């Protein structure tokens, strides 16, 4: 299996995040990507597809904001990472606000996703890894892996959150559509619901979004990912959420994934994007499922049995010491000829 990684993603190193009423060290550290890269072996540098595939998914104003936010933060006399503190929850409407504080709230939904001097570059090159993985499977590979960091599935068309800035999985799916694949499916198996991916394709009937995740009644992102969310307009029925309770192990998770794969097959997808989060691991410090390292190979084998060209895009996973082993187990489940 071809693997894509760009070390520029390591420069993004947020200092802290606001969690449960206190600022704590940020969970998305460069060590996450370093441990995976060391475990999976040699990776290829991505091709540079430019900004066009990003702008096919993300709002142009938001992209310009991501590029300039940190410099404007410093120019305003601030220190540390740029982070918002006020959000337009009610009566959200387009406003030409110029102050950096206002735009940080306008383009985000939480206080756990600060912008660092290297956020744009890390997100951009990680997105190129996802695009390279899609290109590999379109060119005939059975599967390919994009080591993406920071992750992406919480980022919407015009907002960041959940450690995510550019939605690599959504950008990959859209790139497949633009390359002529009539129907694309995104299977999200991160512990947390990918609210951004769901939002991006909410009214679309050509991209299926299926997510297995912790029940948002108890877990982040809370406001999205409930079972009754199925899409709107042409996208009605093209969203399937399968929330699971805390403590879920491999048996229940695999059963939910079987339902998800049935939906993918019924949809008639020509290509599959897997948002893979290893934060479903029993030892993950911010999650509450109980999967073990060997379980990931079983999940991947079930996915591979669909026979679809598959681009695997890395999402979460915060047990740094075990993360590389868990990713290797998952990729191994696709077989040596993937």
Protein backbone atom coordinates (compact mmCIF):
# COMPACT_ATOMS: atom_id res chain seq x y z
CA UNK A 1 0.00 0.00 0.00
CA UNK A 2 1.35 3.41 -0.94
CA UNK A 3 1.67 5.80 1.98
CA UNK A 4 1.87 9.58 1.79
CA UNK A 5 3.26 11.96 4.41
CA UNK A 6 4.72 15.46 4.45
CA UNK A 7 6.92 16.38 7.44
CA UNK A 8 5.78 20.00 7.21
CA UNK A 9 2.74 18.84 9.17
CA UNK A 10 4.99 18.42 12.22
CA UNK A 11 5.59 22.17 12.53
CA UNK A 12 1.98 22.71 13.64
CA UNK A 13 2.31 22.47 17.43
CA UNK A 14 -0.54 24.11 19.37
CA UNK A 15 0.41 25.04 22.91
CA UNK A 16 -2.87 24.55 24.77
CA UNK A 17 -6.62 24.09 24.45
CA UNK A 18 -9.61 24.98 26.57
CA UNK A 19 -11.14 21.79 27.97
CA UNK A 20 -13.64 21.36 30.80
CA UNK A 21 -13.07 24.85 32.15
CA UNK A 22 -9.27 24.91 32.09
CA UNK A 23 -6.43 25.40 29.65
CA UNK A 24 -4.50 22.15 29.27
CA UNK A 25 -1.64 20.99 27.00
CA UNK A 26 -2.94 20.42 23.50
CA UNK A 27 -3.66 16.77 22.61
CA UNK A 28 -2.73 17.04 18.93
CA UNK A 29 1.05 16.97 19.20
CA UNK A 30 3.61 16.39 16.43
CA UNK A 31 4.48 13.11 18.19
CA UNK A 32 1.24 11.64 16.86
CA UNK A 33 2.39 11.86 13.24
CA UNK A 34 5.98 11.00 14.12
CA UNK A 35 4.92 7.75 15.79
CA UNK A 36 2.75 6.74 12.84
CA UNK A 37 5.40 7.61 10.27
CA UNK A 38 8.01 5.60 12.16
CA UNK A 39 5.70 2.59 12.42
CA UNK A 40 4.33 2.43 8.86
CA UNK A 41 7.72 2.73 7.21
CA UNK A 42 8.83 4.84 4.25
CA UNK A 43 6.21 7.27 2.97
CA UNK A 44 6.10 9.15 -0.31
CA UNK A 45 5.92 12.94 -0.42
CA UNK A 46 2.60 14.11 -1.82
CA UNK A 47 2.03 15.66 -5.19
CA UNK A 48 1.03 19.31 -5.05
CA UNK A 49 -2.45 19.66 -6.51
CA UNK A 50 -2.68 23.34 -5.57
CA UNK A 51 -5.53 25.15 -3.88
CA UNK A 52 -8.24 24.35 -6.43
CA UNK A 53 -9.32 21.06 -4.76
CA UNK A 54 -9.44 22.85 -1.39
CA UNK A 55 -11.58 25.64 -2.79
CA UNK A 56 -13.92 23.05 -4.31
CA UNK A 57 -14.94 22.28 -0.71
CA UNK A 58 -14.00 25.26 1.46
CA UNK A 59 -15.21 28.86 1.34
CA UNK A 60 -12.64 31.20 -0.24
CA UNK A 61 -12.95 33.74 2.56
CA UNK A 62 -12.30 31.03 5.13
CA UNK A 63 -9.22 29.83 3.26
CA UNK A 64 -7.82 33.36 3.13
CA UNK A 65 -8.52 33.69 6.85
CA UNK A 66 -6.56 30.51 7.63
CA UNK A 67 -3.59 31.79 5.64
CA UNK A 68 -3.44 35.16 7.36
CA UNK A 69 -4.95 34.68 10.84
CA UNK A 70 -1.75 34.09 12.79
CA UNK A 71 0.10 37.04 11.26
CA UNK A 72 -2.86 39.30 11.93
CA UNK A 73 -3.02 37.99 15.51
CA UNK A 74 0.60 38.98 16.07
CA UNK A 75 0.07 42.32 14.32
CA UNK A 76 -2.73 43.04 16.81
CA UNK A 77 -0.18 42.73 19.61
CA UNK A 78 -1.16 39.26 20.79
CA UNK A 79 1.11 36.48 22.01
CA UNK A 80 0.80 32.72 21.71
CA UNK A 81 -1.59 30.87 19.41
CA UNK A 82 -4.58 32.62 17.90
CA UNK A 83 -7.84 31.45 19.48
CA UNK A 84 -11.36 32.83 19.50
CA UNK A 85 -13.50 33.68 22.49
CA UNK A 86 -16.86 34.80 21.05
CA UNK A 87 -19.07 32.95 18.57
CA UNK A 88 -22.09 34.04 16.45
CA UNK A 89 -24.38 31.25 17.63
CA UNK A 90 -27.66 33.16 17.20
CA UNK A 91 -28.64 35.08 14.05
CA UNK A 92 -25.44 34.12 12.27
CA UNK A 93 -25.23 36.18 9.07
CA UNK A 94 -22.55 37.40 6.67
CA UNK A 95 -20.71 40.40 8.08
CA UNK A 96 -17.59 42.08 6.75
CA UNK A 97 -15.83 42.08 10.11
CA UNK A 98 -12.10 42.86 10.02
CA UNK A 99 -10.91 42.49 13.63
CA UNK A 100 -9.04 39.22 14.10
CA UNK A 101 -10.97 38.40 17.28
CA UNK A 102 -14.26 38.63 15.41
CA UNK A 103 -13.06 36.49 12.52
CA UNK A 104 -11.70 33.82 14.85
CA UNK A 105 -15.21 33.38 16.22
CA UNK A 106 -16.83 33.70 12.80
CA UNK A 107 -14.76 30.86 11.39
CA UNK A 108 -14.70 28.44 14.35
CA UNK A 109 -17.00 26.57 16.68
CA UNK A 110 -14.81 25.77 19.70
CA UNK A 111 -11.87 27.00 21.77
CA UNK A 112 -9.76 23.87 21.35
CA UNK A 113 -8.45 24.59 17.87
CA UNK A 114 -5.87 27.39 17.99
CA UNK A 115 -4.08 28.70 14.91
CA UNK A 116 -0.29 28.51 15.07
CA UNK A 117 2.36 30.00 12.76
CA UNK A 118 2.38 26.73 10.80
CA UNK A 119 -1.29 25.72 10.79
CA UNK A 120 -1.92 26.63 7.16
CA UNK A 121 1.16 24.87 5.80
CA UNK A 122 0.55 21.74 7.87
CA UNK A 123 -3.09 21.58 6.81
CA UNK A 124 -2.31 22.33 3.18
CA UNK A 125 0.34 19.64 2.79
CA UNK A 126 -1.70 17.08 4.71
CA UNK A 127 -4.55 17.75 2.31
CA UNK A 128 -2.16 17.12 -0.58
CA UNK A 129 -1.40 13.73 1.00
CA UNK A 130 -5.12 12.87 0.92
CA UNK A 131 -5.36 14.01 -2.69
CA UNK A 132 -2.31 11.90 -3.55
CA UNK A 133 -3.94 8.85 -1.96
CA UNK A 134 -7.07 9.37 -4.06
CA UNK A 135 -4.94 9.77 -7.18
CA UNK A 136 -3.16 6.50 -6.38
CA UNK A 137 -6.38 4.51 -6.18
CA UNK A 138 -7.81 6.21 -9.25
CA UNK A 139 -4.67 5.10 -11.06
CA UNK A 140 -5.25 1.48 -10.10
CA UNK A 141 -4.08 0.85 -6.54
CA UNK A 142 -6.56 -1.02 -4.35
CA UNK A 143 -5.87 1.20 -1.35
CA UNK A 144 -3.60 4.05 -0.27
CA UNK A 145 -2.94 5.82 3.04
CA UNK A 146 -2.64 9.53 3.78
CA UNK A 147 -0.95 10.40 7.06
CA UNK A 148 -2.89 13.59 7.73
CA UNK A 149 -2.12 15.90 10.63
CA UNK A 150 -3.83 18.01 11.81
CA UNK A 151 -6.95 15.91 11.27
CA UNK A 152 -9.85 17.23 9.22
CA UNK A 153 -13.29 15.74 9.72
CA UNK A 154 -14.59 18.38 12.16
CA UNK A 155 -13.81 21.23 9.74
CA UNK A 156 -16.77 22.52 7.74
CA UNK A 157 -16.80 24.52 4.56
CA UNK A 158 -16.23 27.75 6.48
CA UNK A 159 -15.25 26.81 10.01
CA UNK A 160 -12.58 25.07 12.06
CA UNK A 161 -12.94 23.04 15.24
CA UNK A 162 -12.01 19.78 16.92
CA UNK A 163 -8.31 20.25 16.06
CA UNK A 164 -9.33 20.43 12.36
CA UNK A 165 -8.82 23.23 9.81
CA UNK A 166 -9.11 21.73 6.30
CA UNK A 167 -11.33 18.70 5.77
CA UNK A 168 -8.96 16.35 3.97
CA UNK A 169 -11.49 13.51 3.70
CA UNK A 170 -14.14 15.77 2.16
CA UNK A 171 -11.58 17.30 -0.20
CA UNK A 172 -10.50 13.79 -1.22
CA UNK A 173 -14.10 12.72 -1.83
CA UNK A 174 -14.81 15.81 -3.92
CA UNK A 175 -11.63 15.26 -5.91
CA UNK A 176 -12.83 11.75 -6.77
CA UNK A 177 -16.16 13.18 -7.92
CA UNK A 178 -14.39 15.80 -10.01
CA UNK A 179 -12.27 13.03 -11.55
CA UNK A 180 -15.45 11.36 -12.80
CA UNK A 181 -16.41 8.88 -10.08
CA UNK A 182 -20.23 9.14 -10.11
CA UNK A 183 -20.83 8.23 -6.46
CA UNK A 184 -18.38 8.36 -3.57
CA UNK A 185 -18.78 7.14 0.01
CA UNK A 186 -17.06 8.43 3.14
CA UNK A 187 -16.86 5.96 6.03
CA UNK A 188 -15.91 7.73 9.26
CA UNK A 189 -14.69 5.42 12.03
CA UNK A 190 -13.15 7.95 14.38
CA UNK A 191 -14.35 8.01 18.00
CA UNK A 192 -15.87 11.46 17.41
CA UNK A 193 -18.50 12.28 14.81
CA UNK A 194 -17.20 14.08 11.72
CA UNK A 195 -19.63 16.97 11.85
CA UNK A 196 -17.72 18.94 9.22
CA UNK A 197 -17.86 16.17 6.63
CA UNK A 198 -21.54 15.63 7.30
CA UNK A 199 -22.20 19.36 6.96
CA UNK A 200 -20.29 19.67 3.68
CA UNK A 201 -22.29 16.90 1.98
CA UNK A 202 -25.59 17.39 3.87
CA UNK A 203 -27.63 18.37 0.81
CA UNK A 204 -25.74 16.22 -1.70
CA UNK A 205 -26.98 12.93 -3.09
CA UNK A 206 -23.74 11.94 -4.84
CA UNK A 207 -21.63 11.50 -1.69
CA UNK A 208 -22.70 9.13 1.08
CA UNK A 209 -21.51 9.96 4.59
CA UNK A 210 -21.62 7.11 7.12
CA UNK A 211 -20.23 7.55 10.63
CA UNK A 212 -19.70 5.19 13.58
CA UNK A 213 -18.89 7.21 16.67
CA UNK A 214 -19.50 7.86 20.34
CA UNK A 215 -23.05 8.93 21.09
CA UNK A 216 -23.12 12.75 20.95
CA UNK A 217 -25.50 12.72 23.92
CA UNK A 218 -22.37 12.10 25.99
CA UNK A 219 -19.44 13.04 23.75
CA UNK A 220 -18.03 15.79 21.54
CA UNK A 221 -19.16 17.31 19.23
CA UNK A 222 -22.57 16.98 20.99
CA UNK A 223 -24.67 18.95 18.49
CA UNK A 224 -24.15 16.68 15.49
CA UNK A 225 -24.07 12.94 14.85
CA UNK A 226 -27.44 11.87 16.23
CA UNK A 227 -29.16 8.94 14.55
CA UNK A 228 -32.04 11.04 13.22
CA UNK A 229 -29.71 13.17 11.07
CA UNK A 230 -30.11 11.78 7.54
CA UNK A 231 -29.49 14.73 5.19
CA UNK A 232 -31.73 17.22 3.42
CA UNK A 233 -32.95 18.00 -0.11
CA UNK A 234 -31.04 15.84 -2.61
CA UNK A 235 -28.99 14.54 0.31
CA UNK A 236 -31.95 13.04 2.15
CA UNK A 237 -30.91 9.51 3.05
CA UNK A 238 -27.26 10.08 2.12
CA UNK A 239 -26.18 10.53 5.75
CA UNK A 240 -26.17 7.59 8.15
CA UNK A 241 -25.10 8.03 11.76
CA UNK A 242 -24.51 5.00 13.97
CA UNK A 243 -23.79 6.33 17.47
CA UNK A 244 -22.53 3.88 20.09
CA UNK A 245 -22.31 4.10 23.90
CA UNK A 246 -19.16 4.60 25.89
CA UNK A 247 -17.43 1.30 26.60
CA UNK A 248 -18.17 -0.14 23.15
CA UNK A 249 -15.81 -2.97 22.19
CA UNK A 250 -14.97 -4.69 18.94
CA UNK A 251 -18.06 -6.90 18.71
CA UNK A 252 -20.55 -4.03 18.79
CA UNK A 253 -18.31 -1.77 16.73
CA UNK A 254 -17.83 -4.42 14.04
CA UNK A 255 -21.57 -5.02 13.90
CA UNK A 256 -22.16 -1.31 13.39
CA UNK A 257 -19.51 -1.26 10.70
CA UNK A 258 -21.26 -4.15 8.95
CA UNK A 259 -24.39 -1.96 8.76
CA UNK A 260 -22.28 0.89 7.45
CA UNK A 261 -20.69 -1.26 4.75
CA UNK A 262 -24.10 -2.55 3.68
CA UNK A 263 -25.14 1.07 3.18
CA UNK A 264 -22.00 1.79 1.16
CA UNK A 265 -22.64 -1.21 -1.07
CA UNK A 266 -26.31 -0.29 -1.55
CA UNK A 267 -25.31 3.27 -2.45
CA UNK A 268 -23.28 1.99 -5.39
CA UNK A 269 -20.14 3.92 -4.55
CA UNK A 270 -17.27 3.71 -7.00
CA UNK A 271 -14.67 4.84 -4.47
CA UNK A 272 -14.44 4.84 -0.68
CA UNK A 273 -12.74 7.39 1.55
CA UNK A 274 -12.14 6.11 5.09
CA UNK A 275 -11.77 8.71 7.83
CA UNK A 276 -9.75 6.50 10.16
CA UNK A 277 -9.38 7.50 13.78
CA UNK A 278 -7.48 5.27 16.19
CA UNK A 279 -8.97 7.10 19.16
CA UNK A 280 -11.37 4.16 19.46
CA UNK A 281 -8.45 2.38 21.17
CA UNK A 282 -8.93 1.25 24.77
CA UNK A 283 -5.94 3.28 25.93
CA UNK A 284 -6.81 6.55 24.24
CA UNK A 285 -6.64 9.38 26.80
CA UNK A 286 -9.59 11.38 25.49
CA UNK A 287 -11.96 8.63 24.34
CA UNK A 288 -14.07 5.86 25.86
CA UNK A 289 -14.22 2.86 23.49
CA UNK A 290 -12.31 -0.37 24.18
CA UNK A 291 -10.86 -1.59 20.87
CA UNK A 292 -7.47 -3.32 20.99
CA UNK A 293 -4.63 -3.19 18.47
CA UNK A 294 -5.51 -6.50 16.77
CA UNK A 295 -9.10 -5.36 16.27
CA UNK A 296 -8.11 -2.77 13.68
CA UNK A 297 -6.94 -5.47 11.26
CA UNK A 298 -10.37 -7.11 11.44
CA UNK A 299 -12.14 -3.83 10.74
CA UNK A 300 -9.91 -3.13 7.76
CA UNK A 301 -10.37 -6.64 6.37
CA UNK A 302 -14.13 -6.13 6.42
CA UNK A 303 -13.73 -2.84 4.57
CA UNK A 304 -11.36 -4.37 2.03
CA UNK A 305 -13.89 -7.14 1.34
CA UNK A 306 -16.11 -4.54 -0.35
CA UNK A 307 -13.59 -4.48 -3.18
CA UNK A 308 -13.76 -0.71 -3.62
CA UNK A 309 -10.77 1.52 -4.37
CA UNK A 310 -10.10 2.96 -0.91
CA UNK A 311 -8.24 6.06 0.28
CA UNK A 312 -7.55 5.92 4.02
CA UNK A 313 -7.24 9.37 5.59
CA UNK A 314 -5.86 9.67 9.12
CA UNK A 315 -8.03 11.45 11.67
CA UNK A 316 -7.68 11.16 15.48
CA UNK A 317 -5.79 8.92 17.87
CA UNK A 318 -4.03 10.32 20.93
CA UNK A 319 -2.41 7.34 22.67
CA UNK A 320 0.95 8.30 21.21
CA UNK A 321 2.86 5.21 22.33
CA UNK A 322 0.37 2.80 20.75
CA UNK A 323 -0.80 4.91 17.82
CA UNK A 324 1.75 3.62 15.31
CA UNK A 325 0.98 -0.01 16.14
CA UNK A 326 -2.75 0.61 15.77
CA UNK A 327 -2.34 2.22 12.37
CA UNK A 328 -0.05 -0.58 11.18
CA UNK A 329 -2.66 -3.12 12.29
CA UNK A 330 -5.38 -1.31 10.36
CA UNK A 331 -3.36 -0.95 7.17
CA UNK A 332 -2.29 -4.57 7.43
CA UNK A 333 -5.92 -5.62 7.32
CA UNK A 334 -6.09 -4.54 3.67
CA UNK A 335 -3.66 -7.30 2.72
CA UNK A 336 -0.15 -7.28 1.31
CA UNK A 337 -1.37 -6.61 -2.23
CA UNK A 338 -3.50 -3.57 -1.31
